[in-house]
Amino acid sequence: MAFVSLALLLSLGACTNSAEKFVNTDLTGLDYAKDFALTDQNGKARTLADFKGKAVVVFFGYTQCPDVCPTTMAEMALVMKQLGDLANQVQVLFVTVDPERDTQALLAAYVPNFDSRFLGLYGDRLATEKTAKDFKIFYQKVPGKTANSYTVDHTAGSYVFDREGRIRLFLRHGQGPDPIAHDLRILLK
């Protein structure tokens, strides 16, 4: 009997050790980034609850970003291709940190160019500040040569939420689509 109990314990230990692990930073259990109240590129008011049942990737950026933003959006488009049919269970959200220039029309022209399922979200200055604070996102306007030629320094990573709307992962910028697709597959199981 003792041998059977020992064998059972060892087999249970083997199961937990063989479980797949996230490649990206696991944020499971953290108590922030719980929600937002923004408007999408189609003029519809949105909250995180609107996407319940899907894994949600949230990236903060701006349309005139010269490098990080288009790279991240293109990377997420490749992730969606890698996921195949699973991609329909993922919602990518691009939240602008430049509400002065990123209008609804501009987001509608920019965001779906990467993938027609992606949504751009915006708010006024106060809604943007509140959302960035709730998500612990840094952003700061950097003056340019003219009043309208400024850039915006901002956090370059993305957050991932599970199907229940709980924060689960932080995705590092520039890692390529493979680790992201790997982690999303785990989350969608």
Protein backbone atom coordinates (compact mmCIF):
# COMPACT_ATOMS: atom_id res chain seq x y z
CA MET A 1 0.00 0.00 0.00
CA ALA A 2 2.83 2.40 0.86
CA PHE A 3 4.38 1.69 -2.56
CA VAL A 4 1.11 2.59 -4.34
CA SER A 5 0.83 5.85 -2.36
CA LEU A 6 4.44 6.75 -3.18
CA ALA A 7 3.90 5.96 -6.88
CA LEU A 8 0.75 8.13 -6.91
CA LEU A 9 2.59 11.06 -5.30
CA LEU A 10 5.47 10.80 -7.76
CA SER A 11 3.11 10.68 -10.73
CA LEU A 12 1.26 13.77 -9.48
CA GLY A 13 4.56 15.60 -9.10
CA ALA A 14 5.51 14.64 -12.63
CA CYS A 15 2.25 16.12 -13.93
CA THR A 16 2.84 19.49 -12.34
CA ASN A 17 6.46 19.64 -13.52
CA SER A 18 5.49 18.94 -17.12
CA ALA A 19 2.87 21.70 -17.26
CA GLU A 20 3.56 24.32 -19.89
CA LYS A 21 4.95 27.58 -18.59
CA PHE A 22 4.57 31.10 -19.90
CA VAL A 23 7.58 32.59 -21.68
CA ASN A 24 6.52 36.16 -20.87
CA THR A 25 6.16 37.76 -17.44
CA ASP A 26 3.35 36.11 -15.47
CA LEU A 27 1.25 38.76 -13.71
CA THR A 28 -1.43 36.37 -12.47
CA GLY A 29 -2.95 37.64 -9.24
CA LEU A 30 -1.80 41.25 -9.50
CA ASP A 31 -4.42 43.78 -8.51
CA TYR A 32 -4.36 46.48 -11.17
CA ALA A 33 -5.36 47.06 -14.80
CA LYS A 34 -8.88 45.91 -13.99
CA ASP A 35 -10.86 47.95 -16.51
CA PHE A 36 -11.12 50.98 -18.75
CA ALA A 37 -13.86 53.18 -20.18
CA LEU A 38 -12.83 54.27 -23.69
CA THR A 39 -14.32 54.57 -27.16
CA ASP A 40 -13.36 52.37 -30.09
CA GLN A 41 -12.53 53.43 -33.65
CA ASN A 42 -16.17 52.82 -34.62
CA GLY A 43 -17.52 55.20 -31.96
CA LYS A 44 -18.68 52.46 -29.57
CA ALA A 45 -18.08 52.85 -25.82
CA ARG A 46 -15.91 49.97 -24.59
CA THR A 47 -14.86 48.37 -21.32
CA LEU A 48 -12.78 45.27 -20.68
CA ALA A 49 -16.00 43.31 -19.95
CA ASP A 50 -17.01 43.71 -23.64
CA PHE A 51 -14.35 41.16 -24.53
CA LYS A 52 -15.15 38.51 -21.90
CA GLY A 53 -14.64 35.05 -23.36
CA LYS A 54 -11.57 36.13 -25.33
CA ALA A 55 -7.94 36.58 -24.43
CA VAL A 56 -7.24 40.32 -24.71
CA VAL A 57 -3.92 41.94 -25.61
CA VAL A 58 -3.75 45.64 -24.67
CA PHE A 59 -1.00 47.83 -26.13
CA PHE A 60 -0.62 51.56 -25.41
CA GLY A 61 0.84 53.63 -28.23
CA TYR A 62 0.07 56.30 -30.81
CA THR A 63 -0.39 56.39 -34.56
CA GLN A 64 2.52 58.73 -35.33
CA CYS A 65 4.99 56.57 -33.40
CA PRO A 66 8.02 56.00 -35.65
CA ASP A 67 9.10 52.56 -34.43
CA VAL A 68 7.73 50.72 -31.37
CA CYS A 69 4.03 50.99 -32.21
CA PRO A 70 4.04 49.83 -35.83
CA THR A 71 6.52 47.09 -34.92
CA THR A 72 4.31 45.86 -32.09
CA MET A 73 1.16 45.96 -34.21
CA ALA A 74 2.88 44.09 -37.07
CA GLU A 75 4.18 41.53 -34.57
CA MET A 76 0.66 41.01 -33.21
CA ALA A 77 -0.64 40.55 -36.77
CA LEU A 78 1.94 37.75 -37.20
CA VAL A 79 0.83 36.23 -33.89
CA MET A 80 -2.75 36.16 -35.17
CA LYS A 81 -1.62 34.37 -38.34
CA GLN A 82 0.31 31.81 -36.29
CA LEU A 83 -2.72 31.15 -34.10
CA GLY A 84 -4.90 30.25 -37.08
CA ASP A 85 -8.49 29.63 -35.96
CA LEU A 86 -7.53 30.35 -32.34
CA ALA A 87 -6.99 33.99 -33.35
CA ASN A 88 -10.77 34.45 -33.33
CA GLN A 89 -10.55 33.98 -29.55
CA VAL A 90 -8.07 36.86 -29.18
CA GLN A 91 -8.83 40.59 -29.18
CA VAL A 92 -5.97 43.04 -29.72
CA LEU A 93 -6.63 46.57 -28.43
CA PHE A 94 -4.48 49.57 -29.34
CA VAL A 95 -5.01 52.32 -26.73
CA THR A 96 -3.76 55.72 -27.81
CA VAL A 97 -1.65 57.82 -25.47
CA ASP A 98 -1.99 60.75 -27.90
CA PRO A 99 -5.66 61.79 -27.73
CA GLU A 100 -4.83 65.22 -29.20
CA ARG A 101 -3.93 63.78 -32.60
CA ASP A 102 -5.35 60.24 -32.60
CA THR A 103 -8.94 60.90 -33.55
CA GLN A 104 -11.57 58.23 -34.13
CA ALA A 105 -11.09 58.60 -37.90
CA LEU A 106 -7.31 58.29 -37.67
CA LEU A 107 -7.53 55.19 -35.47
CA ALA A 108 -10.09 53.68 -37.88
CA ALA A 109 -7.64 54.20 -40.74
CA TYR A 110 -4.54 53.01 -38.85
CA VAL A 111 -5.37 50.08 -36.57
CA PRO A 112 -7.27 47.72 -38.93
CA ASN A 113 -4.43 47.93 -41.47
CA PHE A 114 -2.54 45.48 -39.26
CA ASP A 115 -5.48 43.09 -38.80
CA SER A 116 -9.15 43.82 -39.42
CA ARG A 117 -10.04 42.36 -35.99
CA PHE A 118 -7.85 44.84 -34.08
CA LEU A 119 -9.55 47.76 -32.35
CA GLY A 120 -8.19 51.22 -31.60
CA LEU A 121 -9.38 52.85 -28.37
CA TYR A 122 -9.28 56.48 -27.35
CA GLY A 123 -10.54 58.84 -24.69
CA ASP A 124 -10.15 62.48 -23.83
CA ARG A 125 -7.09 63.63 -21.91
CA LEU A 126 -8.57 62.75 -18.50
CA ALA A 127 -9.75 59.27 -19.59
CA THR A 128 -6.32 58.62 -21.11
CA GLU A 129 -4.56 59.70 -17.91
CA LYS A 130 -6.87 57.55 -15.76
CA THR A 131 -6.45 54.47 -17.95
CA ALA A 132 -2.66 54.85 -18.10
CA LYS A 133 -2.52 55.25 -14.31
CA ASP A 134 -4.77 52.21 -13.74
CA PHE A 135 -2.58 50.14 -16.06
CA LYS A 136 0.69 51.56 -14.66
CA ILE A 137 1.66 52.83 -18.10
CA PHE A 138 4.21 55.60 -18.51
CA TYR A 139 3.76 58.15 -21.28
CA GLN A 140 5.10 61.66 -21.76
CA LYS A 141 4.93 64.15 -24.59
CA VAL A 142 8.34 65.13 -26.01
CA PRO A 143 8.30 68.51 -27.81
CA GLY A 144 9.30 68.61 -31.47
CA LYS A 145 10.36 71.44 -33.80
CA THR A 146 6.73 72.52 -34.18
CA ALA A 147 3.73 72.30 -31.85
CA ASN A 148 2.31 69.36 -33.79
CA SER A 149 5.54 67.43 -34.44
CA TYR A 150 5.98 66.09 -30.91
CA THR A 151 6.61 62.46 -30.05
CA VAL A 152 5.38 60.50 -27.05
CA ASP A 153 7.67 58.36 -24.93
CA HIS A 154 5.66 55.43 -23.58
CA THR A 155 5.79 51.95 -22.09
CA ALA A 156 6.57 49.56 -24.94
CA GLY A 157 5.12 46.29 -23.61
CA SER A 158 1.60 44.88 -23.76
CA TYR A 159 -0.74 43.34 -21.21
CA VAL A 160 -2.64 40.11 -21.75
CA PHE A 161 -5.93 39.28 -20.02
CA ASP A 162 -7.54 35.86 -19.82
CA ARG A 163 -11.08 35.00 -20.94
CA GLU A 164 -12.43 36.19 -17.57
CA GLY A 165 -10.81 39.62 -17.84
CA ARG A 166 -8.04 38.95 -15.31
CA ILE A 167 -4.56 40.30 -15.97
CA ARG A 168 -2.19 37.42 -16.71
CA LEU A 169 0.89 38.49 -18.70
CA PHE A 170 3.18 41.34 -19.63
CA LEU A 171 4.64 40.98 -23.14
CA ARG A 172 8.07 42.47 -23.75
CA HIS A 173 8.50 44.54 -26.89
CA GLY A 174 10.48 43.14 -29.79
CA GLN A 175 10.57 39.45 -28.92
CA GLY A 176 8.96 38.25 -32.13
CA PRO A 177 5.64 36.44 -32.55
CA ASP A 178 6.64 32.92 -31.42
CA PRO A 179 6.76 33.45 -27.63
CA ILE A 180 3.55 35.47 -27.72
CA ALA A 181 1.68 32.84 -29.74
CA HIS A 182 3.04 30.17 -27.35
CA ASP A 183 1.67 31.99 -24.30
CA LEU A 184 -1.68 32.77 -25.90
CA ARG A 185 -2.14 29.09 -26.79
CA ILE A 186 -1.58 28.18 -23.13
CA LEU A 187 -4.04 30.88 -22.01
CA LEU A 188 -6.69 29.72 -24.48
CA LYS A 189 -6.61 26.06 -23.35
